[in-house]
C-alpha atoms as a PDB file:
ATOM      1  CA  ASN A   1    -171.046  80.962 -11.469  1.00  0.00           C
ATOM      2  CA  ASN A   2    -171.714  84.574 -11.975  1.00  0.00           C
ATOM      3  CA  SER A   3    -169.287  85.611  -9.280  1.00  0.00           C
ATOM      4  CA  SER A   4    -166.704  83.209 -10.610  1.00  0.00           C
ATOM      5  CA  ASN A   5    -167.126  84.759 -14.092  1.00  0.00           C
ATOM      6  CA  ASN A   6    -166.678  88.202 -12.578  1.00  0.00           C
ATOM      7  CA  ARG A   7    -163.537  87.131 -10.814  1.00  0.00           C
ATOM      8  CA  LEU A   8    -162.230  85.552 -13.961  1.00  0.00           C
ATOM      9  CA  ARG A   9    -162.989  88.703 -15.924  1.00  0.00           C
ATOM     10  CA  GLN A  10    -161.405  90.911 -13.298  1.00  0.00           C
ATOM     11  CA  SER A  11    -158.353  88.685 -13.230  1.00  0.00           C
ATOM     12  CA  GLU A  12    -158.152  88.806 -17.011  1.00  0.00           C
ATOM     13  CA  ASP A  13    -158.557  92.612 -16.992  1.00  0.00           C
ATOM     14  CA  ARG A  14    -155.818  92.946 -14.387  1.00  0.00           C
ATOM     15  CA  TYR A  15    -153.549  90.706 -16.441  1.00  0.00           C
ATOM     16  CA  LEU A  16    -154.185  92.765 -19.591  1.00  0.00           C
ATOM     17  CA  LYS A  17    -153.563  96.025 -17.710  1.00  0.00           C
ATOM     18  CA  GLU A  18    -150.354  94.639 -16.207  1.00  0.00           C
ATOM     19  CA  GLN A  19    -149.263  93.401 -19.626  1.00  0.00           C
ATOM     20  CA  LYS A  20    -150.019  96.790 -21.166  1.00  0.00           C
ATOM     21  CA  LEU A  21    -148.052  98.561 -18.392  1.00  0.00           C
ATOM     22  CA  HIS A  22    -145.197  96.107 -18.820  1.00  0.00           C
ATOM     23  CA  ASP A  23    -145.126  96.783 -22.601  1.00  0.00           C
ATOM     24  CA  GLU A  24    -145.181 100.545 -22.009  1.00  0.00           C
ATOM     25  CA  LEU A  25    -142.366 100.188 -19.488  1.00  0.00           C
ATOM     26  CA  GLU A  26    -140.272  98.246 -22.044  1.00  0.00           C
ATOM     27  CA  ILE A  27    -140.919 100.930 -24.675  1.00  0.00           C
ATOM     28  CA  MET A  28    -139.876 103.653 -22.218  1.00  0.00           C
ATOM     29  CA  LYS A  29    -136.714 101.733 -21.282  1.00  0.00           C
ATOM     30  CA  ARG A  30    -135.759 101.413 -24.967  1.00  0.00           C
ATOM     31  CA  HIS A  31    -136.525 105.092 -25.526  1.00  0.00           C
ATOM     32  CA  LYS A  32    -134.385 106.008 -22.498  1.00  0.00           C
ATOM     33  CA  ILE A  33    -131.469 103.941 -23.863  1.00  0.00           C
ATOM     34  CA  GLU A  34    -131.829 105.628 -27.276  1.00  0.00           C
ATOM     35  CA  LEU A  35    -131.863 109.083 -25.657  1.00  0.00           C
ATOM     36  CA  GLU A  36    -128.806 108.225 -23.574  1.00  0.00           C
ATOM     37  CA  ALA A  37    -126.998 107.129 -26.747  1.00  0.00           C
ATOM     38  CA  VAL A  38    -127.948 110.392 -28.474  1.00  0.00           C
ATOM     39  CA  LEU A  39    -126.709 112.386 -25.470  1.00  0.00           C
ATOM     40  CA  LEU A  40    -123.479 110.406 -25.389  1.00  0.00           C
ATOM     41  CA  ASP A  41    -122.910 111.069 -29.109  1.00  0.00           C
ATOM     42  CA  ARG A  42    -123.661 114.751 -28.609  1.00  0.00           C
ATOM     43  CA  ASP A  43    -121.291 115.000 -25.649  1.00  0.00           C
ATOM     44  CA  THR A  44    -118.586 113.195 -27.629  1.00  0.00           C
ATOM     45  CA  ASN A  45    -119.063 115.589 -30.560  1.00  0.00           C
ATOM     46  CA  ILE A  46    -118.891 118.580 -28.236  1.00  0.00           C
ATOM     47  CA  MET A  47    -115.666 117.331 -26.683  1.00  0.00           C
ATOM     48  CA  GLU A  48    -114.161 116.685 -30.128  1.00  0.00           C
ATOM     49  CA  MET A  49    -115.181 120.157 -31.286  1.00  0.00           C
ATOM     50  CA  ARG A  50    -113.649 121.727 -28.180  1.00  0.00           C
ATOM     51  CA  PHE A  51    -110.447 119.806 -28.751  1.00  0.00           C
ATOM     52  CA  GLU A  52    -110.348 120.851 -32.413  1.00  0.00           C
ATOM     53  CA  GLU A  53    -111.048 124.446 -31.438  1.00  0.00           C
ATOM     54  CA  GLU A  54    -108.201 124.384 -28.925  1.00  0.00           C
ATOM     55  CA  GLN A  55    -105.902 122.914 -31.560  1.00  0.00           C
ATOM     56  CA  HIS A  56    -106.934 125.597 -34.041  1.00  0.00           C
ATOM     57  CA  GLN A  57    -106.377 128.297 -31.454  1.00  0.00           C
ATOM     58  CA  LEU A  58    -102.914 126.945 -30.701  1.00  0.00           C
ATOM     59  CA  GLU A  59    -102.103 126.880 -34.400  1.00  0.00           C
ATOM     60  CA  VAL A  60    -103.442 130.414 -34.897  1.00  0.00           C
ATOM     61  CA  GLU A  61    -101.301 131.614 -31.978  1.00  0.00           C
ATOM     62  CA  ARG A  62     -98.269 129.848 -33.439  1.00  0.00           C
ATOM     63  CA  LEU A  63     -98.911 131.538 -36.792  1.00  0.00           C
ATOM     64  CA  ARG A  64     -99.305 134.905 -35.086  1.00  0.00           C
ATOM     65  CA  ARG A  65     -95.939 134.442 -33.376  1.00  0.00           C
ATOM     66  CA  ARG A  66     -94.404 133.405 -36.696  1.00  0.00           C
ATOM     67  CA  ASN A  67     -95.899 136.463 -38.404  1.00  0.00           C
ATOM     68  CA  LYS A  68     -94.366 138.682 -35.722  1.00  0.00           C
ATOM     69  CA  GLU A  69     -91.012 137.021 -36.340  1.00  0.00           C
ATOM     70  CA  LEU A  70     -91.400 137.636 -40.071  1.00  0.00           C
ATOM     71  CA  GLU A  71     -92.361 141.253 -39.445  1.00  0.00           C
ATOM     72  CA  SER A  72     -89.239 141.658 -37.351  1.00  0.00           C
ATOM     73  CA  SER A  73     -87.155 140.089 -40.122  1.00  0.00           C
ATOM     74  CA  ILE A  74     -88.709 142.442 -42.651  1.00  0.00           C
ATOM     75  CA  LYS A  75     -87.908 145.471 -40.477  1.00  0.00           C
ATOM     76  CA  THR A  76     -84.350 144.254 -40.085  1.00  0.00           C
ATOM     77  CA  LEU A  77     -84.059 143.740 -43.836  1.00  0.00           C
ATOM     78  CA  LYS A  78     -85.461 147.218 -44.457  1.00  0.00           C
ATOM     79  CA  ASN A  79     -82.905 148.688 -42.091  1.00  0.00           C
ATOM     80  CA  GLN A  80     -80.073 146.725 -43.652  1.00  0.00           C
ATOM     81  CA  LEU A  81     -81.184 147.691 -47.153  1.00  0.00           C
ATOM     82  CA  GLY A  82     -81.326 151.324 -46.050  1.00  0.00           C
ATOM     83  CA  GLU A  83     -77.802 151.150 -44.579  1.00  0.00           C
ATOM     84  CA  SER A  84     -76.473 149.405 -47.664  1.00  0.00           C
ATOM     85  CA  SER A  85     -78.102 152.052 -49.826  1.00  0.00           C
ATOM     86  CA  SER A  86     -76.540 154.918 -47.853  1.00  0.00           C
ATOM     87  CA  ASN A  87     -73.096 153.249 -47.984  1.00  0.00           C
ATOM     88  CA  ASN A  88     -73.334 152.737 -51.727  1.00  0.00           C
ATOM     89  CA  ASN A  89     -74.296 156.360 -52.372  1.00  0.00           C
ATOM     90  CA  THR A  90     -70.848 157.552 -51.200  1.00  0.00           C
ATOM     91  CA  ASN A  91     -69.042 156.040 -54.212  1.00  0.00           C
ATOM     92  CA  THR A  92     -68.057 158.573 -56.902  1.00  0.00           C
ATOM     93  CA  VAL A  93     -66.482 156.646 -59.805  1.00  0.00           C
ATOM     94  CA  SER A  94     -68.704 156.584 -62.942  1.00  0.00           C
ATOM     95  CA  SER A  95     -68.636 152.782 -63.238  1.00  0.00           C
ATOM     96  CA  LYS A  96     -69.635 152.665 -59.621  1.00  0.00           C
ATOM     97  CA  LYS A  97     -72.505 155.039 -60.415  1.00  0.00           C
ATOM     98  CA  ARG A  98     -73.805 152.626 -63.021  1.00  0.00           C
ATOM     99  CA  THR A  99     -73.558 149.776 -60.541  1.00  0.00           C
ATOM    100  CA  LEU A 100     -75.278 151.854 -57.910  1.00  0.00           C
ATOM    101  CA  HIS A 101     -78.022 152.822 -60.340  1.00  0.00           C
ATOM    102  CA  SER A 102     -78.792 149.182 -61.099  1.00  0.00           C
ATOM    103  CA  GLU A 103     -78.560 148.321 -57.399  1.00  0.00           C
ATOM    104  CA  HIS A 104     -80.802 151.277 -56.539  1.00  0.00           C
ATOM    105  CA  SER A 105     -83.521 150.121 -58.931  1.00  0.00           C
ATOM    106  CA  SER A 106     -83.149 146.608 -57.560  1.00  0.00           C
ATOM    107  CA  LYS A 107     -83.361 147.971 -54.005  1.00  0.00           C
ATOM    108  CA  ALA A 108     -86.444 149.965 -54.955  1.00  0.00           C
ATOM    109  CA  SER A 109     -87.938 146.709 -56.156  1.00  0.00           C
ATOM    110  CA  ASP A 110     -86.963 145.119 -52.843  1.00  0.00           C
ATOM    111  CA  HIS A 111     -88.573 147.963 -50.925  1.00  0.00           C
ATOM    112  CA  GLN A 112     -91.726 147.498 -52.980  1.00  0.00           C
ATOM    113  CA  THR A 113     -91.643 143.779 -52.194  1.00  0.00           C
ATOM    114  CA  ILE A 114     -91.212 144.541 -48.517  1.00  0.00           C
ATOM    115  CA  GLU A 115     -94.162 146.934 -48.623  1.00  0.00           C
ATOM    116  CA  THR A 116     -96.257 144.238 -50.317  1.00  0.00           C
ATOM    117  CA  MET A 117     -95.239 141.778 -47.639  1.00  0.00           C
ATOM    118  CA  SER A 118     -96.172 144.313 -44.958  1.00  0.00           C
ATOM    119  CA  ARG A 119     -99.633 144.627 -46.503  1.00  0.00           C
ATOM    120  CA  MET A 120     -99.936 140.840 -46.548  1.00  0.00           C
ATOM    121  CA  ILE A 121     -98.989 140.731 -42.874  1.00  0.00           C
ATOM    122  CA  GLU A 122    -101.657 143.327 -42.137  1.00  0.00           C
ATOM    123  CA  GLU A 123    -104.191 141.149 -43.954  1.00  0.00           C
ATOM    124  CA  LEU A 124    -103.050 138.209 -41.826  1.00  0.00           C
ATOM    125  CA  ARG A 125    -103.607 140.283 -38.708  1.00  0.00           C
ATOM    126  CA  LYS A 126    -107.129 141.137 -39.840  1.00  0.00           C
ATOM    127  CA  GLU A 127    -107.812 137.472 -40.568  1.00  0.00           C
ATOM    128  CA  ASN A 128    -106.520 136.531 -37.115  1.00  0.00           C
ATOM    129  CA  SER A 129    -108.825 139.123 -35.546  1.00  0.00           C
ATOM    130  CA  ARG A 130    -111.743 137.766 -37.547  1.00  0.00           C
ATOM    131  CA  LEU A 131    -110.943 134.236 -36.389  1.00  0.00           C
ATOM    132  CA  LYS A 132    -110.792 135.384 -32.799  1.00  0.00           C
ATOM    133  CA  ALA A 133    -114.167 137.109 -33.161  1.00  0.00           C
ATOM    134  CA  ALA A 134    -115.633 133.952 -34.710  1.00  0.00           C
ATOM    135  CA  LYS A 135    -114.397 131.947 -31.724  1.00  0.00           C
ATOM    136  CA  GLU A 136    -116.008 134.327 -29.293  1.00  0.00           C
ATOM    137  CA  SER A 137    -119.336 134.276 -31.129  1.00  0.00           C
ATOM    138  CA  ASN A 138    -119.383 130.446 -30.810  1.00  0.00           C
ATOM    139  CA  LEU A 139    -120.585 129.540 -34.324  1.00  0.00           C
ATOM    140  CA  GLY A 140    -120.012 125.756 -33.947  1.00  0.00           C
ATOM    141  CA  ASP A 141    -119.111 123.636 -36.959  1.00  0.00           C
ATOM    142  CA  LYS A 142    -119.052 126.551 -39.397  1.00  0.00           C
ATOM    143  CA  ARG A 143    -116.580 128.312 -37.158  1.00  0.00           C
ATOM    144  CA  ILE A 144    -114.308 125.277 -37.185  1.00  0.00           C
ATOM    145  CA  GLN A 145    -114.522 124.997 -40.977  1.00  0.00           C
ATOM    146  CA  ILE A 146    -113.717 128.690 -41.347  1.00  0.00           C
ATOM    147  CA  SER A 147    -110.834 128.301 -38.898  1.00  0.00           C
ATOM    148  CA  GLU A 148    -109.466 125.350 -40.836  1.00  0.00           C
ATOM    149  CA  LYS A 149    -109.633 127.288 -44.103  1.00  0.00           C
ATOM    150  CA  ALA A 150    -108.042 130.325 -42.512  1.00  0.00           C
ATOM    151  CA  LEU A 151    -105.396 128.127 -40.930  1.00  0.00           C
ATOM    152  CA  THR A 152    -104.523 126.651 -44.314  1.00  0.00           C
ATOM    153  CA  THR A 153    -104.400 130.128 -45.834  1.00  0.00           C
ATOM    154  CA  GLU A 154    -102.248 131.404 -42.965  1.00  0.00           C
ATOM    155  CA  LYS A 155     -99.843 128.507 -43.398  1.00  0.00           C
ATOM    156  CA  LYS A 156     -99.499 129.189 -47.117  1.00  0.00           C
ATOM    157  CA  LYS A 157     -98.984 132.906 -46.544  1.00  0.00           C
ATOM    158  CA  SER A 158     -96.445 132.185 -43.821  1.00  0.00           C
ATOM    159  CA  GLU A 159     -94.522 129.831 -46.107  1.00  0.00           C
ATOM    160  CA  ASN A 160     -94.559 132.427 -48.896  1.00  0.00           C
ATOM    161  CA  LEU A 161     -93.335 135.099 -46.506  1.00  0.00           C
ATOM    162  CA  GLN A 162     -90.551 132.832 -45.303  1.00  0.00           C
ATOM    163  CA  LEU A 163     -89.447 132.233 -48.888  1.00  0.00           C
ATOM    164  CA  GLU A 164     -89.571 135.959 -49.602  1.00  0.00           C
ATOM    165  CA  VAL A 165     -87.508 136.744 -46.500  1.00  0.00           C
ATOM    166  CA  LYS A 166     -84.888 134.190 -47.565  1.00  0.00           C
ATOM    167  CA  ARG A 167     -84.809 135.685 -51.064  1.00  0.00           C
ATOM    168  CA  LEU A 168     -84.343 139.179 -49.650  1.00  0.00           C
ATOM    169  CA  GLU A 169     -81.644 137.984 -47.265  1.00  0.00           C
ATOM    170  CA  ASN A 170     -79.766 136.440 -50.214  1.00  0.00           C
ATOM    171  CA  LYS A 171     -80.135 139.677 -52.165  1.00  0.00           C
ATOM    172  CA  LEU A 172     -78.881 141.650 -49.204  1.00  0.00           C
ATOM    173  CA  LYS A 173     -75.874 139.347 -48.964  1.00  0.00           C
ATOM    174  CA  ASP A 174     -75.226 139.865 -52.697  1.00  0.00           C
ATOM    175  CA  TYR A 175     -75.395 143.649 -52.164  1.00  0.00           C
ATOM    176  CA  ALA A 176     -72.975 143.408 -49.285  1.00  0.00           C
ATOM    177  CA  ASP A 177     -70.609 141.297 -51.417  1.00  0.00           C
ATOM    178  CA  SER A 178     -70.796 143.730 -54.342  1.00  0.00           C
ATOM    179  CA  GLU A 179     -70.296 146.663 -51.974  1.00  0.00           C
ATOM    180  CA  GLN A 180     -67.226 144.926 -50.565  1.00  0.00           C
ATOM    181  CA  MET A 181     -65.876 144.409 -54.099  1.00  0.00           C
ATOM    182  CA  ILE A 182     -66.461 148.086 -54.901  1.00  0.00           C
ATOM    183  CA  ILE A 183     -64.637 149.141 -51.757  1.00  0.00           C
ATOM    184  CA  GLN A 184     -61.716 146.859 -52.653  1.00  0.00           C
ATOM    185  CA  LYS A 185     -61.592 148.268 -56.189  1.00  0.00           C
ATOM    186  CA  LYS A 186     -61.719 151.784 -54.799  1.00  0.00           C
ATOM    187  CA  GLN A 187     -58.767 151.001 -52.544  1.00  0.00           C
ATOM    188  CA  LEU A 188     -56.833 149.701 -55.530  1.00  0.00           C
ATOM    189  CA  ILE A 189     -57.443 152.976 -57.418  1.00  0.00           C
END
Protein backbone atom coordinates (compact mmCIF):
# COMPACT_ATOMS: atom_id res chain seq x y z
CA ASN A 1 0.00 0.00 0.00
CA ASN A 2 2.75 2.30 0.93
CA SER A 3 4.53 1.85 -2.37
CA SER A 4 1.27 2.27 -4.23
CA ASN A 5 0.67 5.55 -2.34
CA ASN A 6 4.15 6.69 -3.27
CA ARG A 7 3.56 5.89 -6.89
CA LEU A 8 0.25 7.66 -6.81
CA ARG A 9 1.84 10.69 -5.20
CA GLN A 10 4.70 10.70 -7.66
CA SER A 11 2.26 10.38 -10.53
CA GLU A 12 0.21 13.24 -9.12
CA ASP A 13 3.35 15.37 -8.64
CA ARG A 14 4.44 14.67 -12.21
CA TYR A 15 0.98 15.59 -13.48
CA LEU A 16 1.02 18.87 -11.52
CA LYS A 17 4.52 19.70 -12.77
CA GLU A 18 3.52 18.92 -16.35
CA GLN A 19 0.37 21.01 -15.95
CA LYS A 20 2.39 23.89 -14.51
CA LEU A 21 4.90 23.66 -17.40
CA HIS A 22 2.05 23.49 -19.89
CA ASP A 23 0.46 26.63 -18.34
CA GLU A 24 3.81 28.45 -18.42
CA LEU A 25 4.28 27.43 -22.05
CA GLU A 26 0.83 28.83 -22.93
CA ILE A 27 1.65 32.10 -21.16
CA MET A 28 4.95 32.35 -23.05
CA LYS A 29 3.21 31.63 -26.37
CA ARG A 30 0.69 34.42 -25.70
CA HIS A 31 3.48 36.76 -24.66
CA LYS A 32 5.41 35.90 -27.84
CA ILE A 33 2.33 36.66 -29.98
CA GLU A 34 1.86 39.99 -28.17
CA LEU A 35 5.53 40.90 -28.70
CA GLU A 36 5.30 39.97 -32.38
CA ALA A 37 2.24 42.22 -32.72
CA VAL A 38 4.10 45.09 -31.03
CA LEU A 39 7.08 44.57 -33.35
CA LEU A 40 4.80 44.46 -36.38
CA ASP A 41 3.13 47.73 -35.32
CA ARG A 42 6.52 49.32 -34.73
CA ASP A 43 7.82 48.18 -38.11
CA THR A 44 4.66 49.47 -39.79
CA ASN A 45 5.04 52.84 -38.05
CA ILE A 46 8.68 53.04 -39.09
CA MET A 47 7.81 52.31 -42.71
CA GLU A 48 5.03 54.92 -42.65
CA MET A 49 7.39 57.48 -41.13
CA ARG A 50 10.02 56.74 -43.77
CA PHE A 51 7.43 57.12 -46.50
CA GLU A 52 6.21 60.41 -45.02
CA GLU A 53 9.78 61.63 -44.68
CA GLU A 54 10.47 60.79 -48.31
CA GLN A 55 7.30 62.61 -49.34
CA HIS A 56 8.30 65.63 -47.28
CA GLN A 57 11.77 65.60 -48.78
CA LEU A 58 10.31 65.47 -52.28
CA GLU A 59 8.01 68.37 -51.47
CA VAL A 60 10.86 70.38 -49.94
CA GLU A 61 12.96 69.76 -53.06
CA ARG A 62 10.04 70.82 -55.26
CA LEU A 63 9.66 74.01 -53.22
CA ARG A 64 13.39 74.68 -53.47
CA ARG A 65 13.20 74.36 -57.25
CA ARG A 66 10.17 76.65 -57.29
CA ASN A 67 12.00 79.19 -55.12
CA LYS A 68 14.91 79.15 -57.56
CA GLU A 69 12.47 79.77 -60.40
CA LEU A 70 10.97 82.68 -58.46
CA GLU A 71 14.43 84.07 -57.74
CA SER A 72 15.20 83.91 -61.44
CA SER A 73 11.93 85.69 -62.21
CA ILE A 74 12.75 88.37 -59.67
CA LYS A 75 16.20 88.91 -61.21
CA THR A 76 14.63 89.15 -64.64
CA LEU A 77 12.06 91.64 -63.35
CA LYS A 78 14.81 93.68 -61.70
CA ASN A 79 16.71 93.77 -64.97
CA GLN A 80 13.63 94.71 -66.95
CA LEU A 81 12.70 97.40 -64.44
CA GLY A 82 16.25 98.75 -64.66
CA GLU A 83 16.12 98.83 -68.48
CA SER A 84 12.70 100.46 -68.44
CA SER A 85 13.98 103.03 -65.98
CA SER A 86 17.01 103.89 -68.13
CA ASN A 87 14.82 104.20 -71.25
CA ASN A 88 12.38 106.49 -69.48
CA ASN A 89 15.13 108.79 -68.22
CA THR A 90 15.94 109.88 -71.81
CA ASN A 91 12.64 111.77 -72.23
CA THR A 92 12.94 115.57 -71.91
CA VAL A 93 9.42 117.04 -72.19
CA SER A 94 8.13 118.47 -68.86
CA SER A 95 4.92 116.42 -68.91
CA LYS A 96 7.07 113.40 -69.53
CA LYS A 97 9.18 114.39 -66.52
CA ARG A 98 6.10 114.35 -64.32
CA THR A 99 5.15 110.94 -65.68
CA LEU A 100 8.67 109.70 -65.15
CA HIS A 101 8.72 111.06 -61.61
CA SER A 102 5.57 109.14 -60.71
CA GLU A 103 6.89 106.05 -62.50
CA HIS A 104 10.25 106.42 -60.73
CA SER A 105 8.62 106.48 -57.30
CA SER A 106 6.49 103.52 -58.32
CA LYS A 107 9.61 101.72 -59.58
CA ALA A 108 11.38 102.51 -56.32
CA SER A 109 8.45 100.88 -54.57
CA ASP A 110 8.81 97.90 -56.89
CA HIS A 111 12.52 97.67 -56.15
CA GLN A 112 11.73 97.75 -52.44
CA THR A 113 9.18 94.98 -52.96
CA ILE A 114 11.73 92.95 -54.87
CA GLU A 115 14.26 93.43 -52.07
CA THR A 116 11.65 92.28 -49.55
CA MET A 117 10.94 89.24 -51.67
CA SER A 118 14.68 88.52 -51.87
CA ARG A 119 14.86 88.59 -48.07
CA MET A 120 11.88 86.24 -47.90
CA ILE A 121 13.63 83.87 -50.30
CA GLU A 122 16.72 83.97 -48.11
CA GLU A 123 14.55 83.07 -45.12
CA LEU A 124 13.13 80.17 -47.14
CA ARG A 125 16.65 78.99 -47.88
CA LYS A 126 17.51 79.08 -44.18
CA GLU A 127 14.34 77.15 -43.37
CA ASN A 128 15.22 74.57 -46.02
CA SER A 129 18.69 74.19 -44.50
CA ARG A 130 17.16 73.78 -41.06
CA LEU A 131 14.81 71.11 -42.38
CA LYS A 132 17.69 69.28 -43.99
CA ALA A 133 19.64 69.39 -40.72
CA ALA A 134 16.59 68.08 -38.84
CA LYS A 135 16.37 65.17 -41.28
CA GLU A 136 20.00 64.29 -40.76
CA SER A 137 19.70 64.40 -36.97
CA ASN A 138 16.83 61.85 -37.19
CA LEU A 139 14.43 63.40 -34.65
CA GLY A 140 11.49 61.06 -35.45
CA ASP A 141 7.91 62.25 -35.07
CA LYS A 142 8.86 65.78 -34.01
CA ARG A 143 10.95 66.10 -37.13
CA ILE A 144 7.99 65.10 -39.28
CA GLN A 145 5.70 67.57 -37.51
CA ILE A 146 8.26 70.34 -37.96
CA SER A 147 8.65 69.37 -41.62
CA GLU A 148 4.90 69.46 -42.14
CA LYS A 149 4.66 72.91 -40.56
CA ALA A 150 7.61 74.16 -42.57
CA LEU A 151 6.13 72.64 -45.70
CA THR A 152 2.86 74.48 -45.12
CA THR A 153 4.76 77.71 -44.49
CA GLU A 154 6.88 77.18 -47.60
CA LYS A 155 3.78 76.59 -49.69
CA LYS A 156 2.17 79.79 -48.42
CA LYS A 157 5.34 81.80 -49.01
CA SER A 158 5.70 80.31 -52.48
CA GLU A 159 2.10 81.20 -53.34
CA ASN A 160 2.63 84.75 -52.06
CA LEU A 161 5.81 85.08 -54.09
CA GLN A 162 4.03 83.83 -57.19
CA LEU A 163 1.30 86.43 -56.70
CA GLU A 164 3.91 89.14 -56.17
CA VAL A 165 5.79 88.12 -59.32
CA LYS A 166 2.55 88.27 -61.33
CA ARG A 167 1.78 91.70 -59.89
CA LEU A 168 5.25 92.96 -60.80
CA GLU A 169 5.00 91.48 -64.28
CA ASN A 170 1.69 93.32 -64.80
CA LYS A 171 3.27 96.54 -63.54
CA LEU A 172 6.21 96.05 -65.86
CA LYS A 173 3.82 95.55 -68.76
CA ASP A 174 2.00 98.77 -67.77
CA TYR A 175 5.36 100.60 -67.72
CA ALA A 176 6.21 99.25 -71.13
CA ASP A 177 2.79 100.34 -72.45
CA SER A 178 3.15 103.83 -70.97
CA GLU A 179 6.69 104.08 -72.33
CA GLN A 180 5.39 103.10 -75.76
CA MET A 181 2.69 105.80 -75.52
CA ILE A 182 5.32 108.38 -74.53
CA ILE A 183 7.49 107.41 -77.47
CA GLN A 184 4.50 107.70 -79.82
CA LYS A 185 3.63 111.13 -78.40
CA LYS A 186 7.23 112.21 -78.76
CA GLN A 187 7.19 111.16 -82.41
CA LEU A 188 4.04 113.20 -82.95
CA ILE A 189 5.74 116.31 -81.50
